[in-house]
Protein backbone atom coordinates (compact mmCIF):
# COMPACT_ATOMS: atom_id res chain seq x y z
CA MET A 1 -48.70 28.91 -22.13
CA PRO A 2 -46.22 29.89 -19.34
CA ARG A 3 -42.33 29.24 -19.86
CA LEU A 4 -40.84 26.74 -17.96
CA ARG A 5 -37.61 27.99 -16.45
CA ARG A 6 -35.14 26.19 -16.85
CA ARG A 7 -33.39 24.85 -13.81
CA ASN A 8 -29.79 25.54 -12.67
CA ARG A 9 -27.79 22.70 -12.40
CA VAL A 10 -25.19 23.00 -9.06
CA ARG A 11 -21.32 23.41 -10.37
CA TYR A 12 -18.89 22.38 -7.92
CA PRO A 13 -15.36 23.75 -8.52
CA ARG A 14 -12.79 21.49 -10.07
CA GLU A 15 -11.32 21.50 -7.29
CA HIS A 16 -14.20 19.66 -5.61
CA LYS A 17 -14.02 16.57 -7.64
CA HIS A 18 -10.47 16.87 -7.09
CA GLN A 19 -10.92 16.24 -3.30
CA THR A 20 -14.19 13.45 -3.63
CA ARG A 21 -11.81 11.29 -6.07
CA GLN A 22 -8.85 11.64 -3.56
CA ARG A 23 -11.73 10.49 -0.89
CA ILE A 24 -12.66 7.70 -3.28
CA VAL A 25 -9.06 6.50 -3.67
CA ALA A 26 -7.97 6.60 0.19
CA THR A 27 -11.41 5.17 1.13
CA ALA A 28 -10.83 2.34 -1.60
CA GLY A 29 -7.38 1.34 -0.19
CA ARG A 30 -8.60 0.93 3.00
CA ARG A 31 -11.29 -1.23 1.86
CA LEU A 32 -9.26 -3.31 -0.26
CA LYS A 33 -6.69 -4.06 2.28
CA ARG A 34 -9.31 -5.52 4.30
CA ASN A 35 -11.78 -6.94 2.11
CA GLY A 36 -9.36 -7.99 -0.82
CA ILE A 37 -9.88 -6.74 -4.62
CA ASP A 38 -12.37 -9.28 -5.65
CA GLY A 39 -14.71 -8.63 -2.67
CA SER A 40 -14.78 -5.36 -2.69
CA GLY A 41 -17.52 -4.05 -5.18
CA VAL A 42 -17.92 -0.86 -6.87
CA ALA A 43 -21.09 0.07 -4.71
CA THR A 44 -19.49 -0.72 -1.30
CA LEU A 45 -16.23 1.76 -2.07
CA MET A 46 -18.44 4.24 -2.97
CA LYS A 47 -20.55 3.84 -0.07
CA ASP A 48 -17.28 4.34 1.76
CA ALA A 49 -16.76 7.50 0.58
CA GLY A 50 -20.23 8.42 1.35
CA LEU A 51 -21.30 7.87 -2.58
CA THR A 52 -24.16 6.11 -4.34
CA ALA A 53 -22.58 3.65 -6.71
CA GLY A 54 -24.15 5.52 -9.95
CA THR A 55 -21.33 8.26 -9.43
CA PHE A 56 -18.65 6.00 -10.17
CA TYR A 57 -18.39 6.51 -13.66
CA ALA A 58 -17.55 10.42 -12.89
CA TYR A 59 -15.08 9.67 -11.30
CA PHE A 60 -13.45 6.95 -13.18
CA ALA A 61 -13.50 4.44 -16.06
CA SER A 62 -13.41 1.19 -14.33
CA LYS A 63 -12.98 -0.95 -11.14
CA ASP A 64 -9.71 -1.19 -12.57
CA ASP A 65 -8.77 2.39 -12.91
CA LEU A 66 -10.02 3.13 -9.66
CA VAL A 67 -8.10 -0.13 -7.93
CA ALA A 68 -4.89 0.69 -9.93
CA THR A 69 -4.84 4.10 -8.79
CA ALA A 70 -5.51 2.95 -5.10
CA VAL A 71 -2.95 0.46 -5.05
CA ALA A 72 -0.08 3.38 -6.11
CA ASP A 73 -1.85 5.31 -3.67
CA GLN A 74 -1.40 3.10 -0.69
CA MET A 75 2.43 2.24 -2.05
CA ARG A 76 2.99 6.02 -2.64
CA ALA A 77 1.63 6.30 1.26
CA GLN A 78 4.01 3.50 2.36
CA HIS A 79 6.66 5.45 1.02
CA GLU A 80 6.35 9.07 2.32
CA ASN A 81 5.07 7.98 5.27
CA ILE A 82 7.51 5.19 7.00
CA VAL A 83 10.35 4.73 4.17
CA ALA A 84 11.02 8.75 3.60
CA GLN A 85 10.60 9.66 7.09
CA ALA A 86 12.91 6.86 8.24
CA ALA A 87 16.47 8.04 9.42
CA PRO A 88 19.68 6.89 7.09
CA GLY A 89 22.24 4.22 7.39
CA ARG A 90 21.72 0.83 9.03
CA ALA A 91 19.74 2.63 11.84
CA GLY A 92 16.97 3.90 9.28
CA LEU A 93 16.53 0.02 8.24
CA GLU A 94 16.12 -1.20 11.87
CA GLN A 95 13.91 1.69 12.31
CA MET A 96 11.60 0.39 9.14
CA ILE A 97 12.20 -3.46 9.90
CA ARG A 98 10.43 -3.41 13.82
CA TRP A 99 7.74 -1.21 13.02
CA TYR A 100 7.12 -3.11 10.35
CA PHE A 101 7.19 -6.58 12.95
CA SER A 102 5.33 -5.16 15.51
CA PRO A 103 2.16 -6.99 15.98
CA GLN A 104 0.18 -3.09 15.58
CA GLN A 105 1.06 -2.79 12.73
CA ARG A 106 0.23 -6.39 11.64
CA ASP A 107 -3.17 -6.35 13.04
CA ASP A 108 -4.05 -3.29 11.65
CA ILE A 109 -4.40 -4.29 8.24
CA GLU A 110 -6.90 -1.62 7.11
CA ASP A 111 -3.77 1.00 7.57
CA GLY A 112 -1.63 -1.75 7.31
CA CYS A 113 1.00 -2.53 4.56
CA PRO A 114 -0.36 -2.96 1.43
CA ASN A 115 2.10 -5.85 -0.07
CA ALA A 116 0.93 -7.74 2.79
CA ALA A 117 -2.38 -7.34 2.20
CA LEU A 118 -2.26 -7.62 -1.18
CA LEU A 119 0.59 -8.88 -3.36
CA ASP A 120 -0.94 -12.08 -4.58
CA GLU A 121 -4.65 -10.61 -5.73
CA ILE A 122 -2.04 -8.09 -7.35
CA GLY A 123 0.14 -11.06 -8.86
CA ARG A 124 -3.25 -11.73 -11.03
CA SER A 125 -4.35 -8.35 -11.63
CA THR A 126 -4.37 -6.29 -14.66
CA ASP A 127 -0.56 -4.89 -16.03
CA THR A 128 -2.47 -1.57 -14.99
CA THR A 129 -2.33 -2.62 -11.40
CA ARG A 130 0.69 -4.43 -11.18
CA GLN A 131 2.85 -1.35 -13.15
CA ALA A 132 1.20 0.27 -10.44
CA TYR A 133 2.51 -2.01 -7.73
CA THR A 134 5.86 -2.55 -9.52
CA ASP A 135 6.51 1.33 -9.58
CA GLY A 136 5.46 1.91 -5.98
CA ALA A 137 7.20 -1.20 -5.12
CA LEU A 138 10.21 -0.46 -6.44
CA THR A 139 10.27 3.22 -5.12
CA LEU A 140 10.49 1.85 -1.80
CA VAL A 141 13.48 -0.94 -2.32
CA ASP A 142 15.51 2.33 -3.90
CA GLY A 143 14.83 3.49 0.06
CA PHE A 144 16.18 0.56 1.07
CA ALA A 145 19.20 0.08 -1.13
CA ALA A 146 19.70 3.94 -0.42
CA ARG A 147 20.44 3.33 3.22
CA LEU A 148 22.17 -0.39 2.57
CA ALA A 149 24.87 0.38 0.54
CA PRO A 150 24.87 4.92 0.65
CA HIS A 151 27.57 4.96 -1.74
CA ASP A 152 25.97 2.51 -4.27
CA PRO A 153 22.57 2.05 -4.41
CA PRO A 154 22.24 0.10 -7.56
CA SER A 155 24.50 -2.57 -6.03
CA ALA A 156 22.45 -3.33 -2.75
CA ARG A 157 18.70 -3.30 -5.63
CA LEU A 158 18.36 -7.15 -5.05
CA THR A 159 18.58 -7.18 -1.86
CA ALA A 160 16.28 -5.02 -1.26
CA LEU A 161 13.98 -6.36 -3.51
CA SER A 162 14.70 -9.61 -1.24
CA LEU A 163 14.32 -7.95 1.90
CA LEU A 164 10.94 -6.56 0.80
CA GLY A 165 9.60 -9.68 -0.11
CA MET A 166 10.66 -11.74 3.08
CA MET A 167 9.03 -9.06 5.35
CA ALA A 168 5.59 -9.04 3.16
CA GLY A 169 5.76 -12.81 3.36
CA THR A 170 7.05 -12.80 6.72
CA LEU A 171 3.71 -10.69 7.67
CA GLN A 172 1.60 -12.85 5.76
CA LEU A 173 1.76 -15.56 7.25
CA SER A 174 1.79 -14.01 11.32
CA ARG A 175 -1.58 -12.74 9.71
CA ALA A 176 -2.66 -16.07 8.95
CA PHE A 177 -2.26 -18.02 11.99
CA THR A 178 -3.94 -18.49 15.09
CA ASP A 179 -1.68 -18.76 17.21
CA ARG A 180 -1.60 -15.96 19.05
CA GLN A 181 2.17 -16.56 20.48
CA LEU A 182 3.38 -18.34 17.55
CA ALA A 183 1.99 -15.23 15.29
CA ASP A 184 4.31 -12.93 17.64
CA GLN A 185 7.02 -15.26 18.03
CA LEU A 186 7.68 -15.19 13.48
CA LEU A 187 7.29 -11.15 14.09
CA GLU A 188 10.28 -11.51 16.34
CA GLN A 189 11.88 -14.22 14.23
CA GLY A 190 11.58 -11.91 11.23
CA ILE A 191 13.03 -9.34 12.92
CA ARG A 192 15.91 -11.21 13.41
CA ASN A 193 16.22 -12.66 9.89
CA ALA A 194 15.97 -9.32 8.35
CA LEU A 195 18.72 -7.29 10.57
CA ALA A 196 21.00 -10.21 9.46
CA LEU A 197 19.94 -10.14 5.84
CA ILE A 198 21.23 -6.62 6.02
CA ASP A 199 24.22 -6.98 8.03
CA ALA A 200 25.03 -9.53 5.60
CA GLU A 201 24.82 -7.04 2.87
CA GLN A 202 26.72 -4.13 4.59
CA HIS A 203 30.12 -6.42 5.71
CA ASN A 204 30.38 -7.49 2.08
């Protein structure tokens, strides 16, 4: 009787698995912002990355694990691509504020701000997801504070937190309105309110 040959399993290099995991995280972040955490199932999140649901546990321990990782990635990307790239001082703050309150940024939910898209659900999420968000938000806040008070950033941290909350809340409200003109006016008022807040802080 002939011996059966063992099939050789395809072994992917470690970097391939890392790249695949990163692709899942990136596509999941966009889906979560569009459909919400509760509205995004594992099968959909994996399909977005071009994978089957059956391979999910080769990369993540649970959906909560993926959500926390995706939230952290979204917050990191916002810091690296927006905050870290902005000019120093008030000029950088104004640059970020005007970008944030632009109609284009508001309407591009998938590639837009994770704060405005996910904040209400994060408050009801697991401690791991909330911690991932907290760490990312404080990094953003520290970037604001360093521009508000370059010589003493900790003194401006609470103002920077208020600025983040004002920006996210205004954007959420603008996204919710069906009246486009009113939604755009709200963004314009958001710019004025945010600039007034930073000017008041810098004149104290």
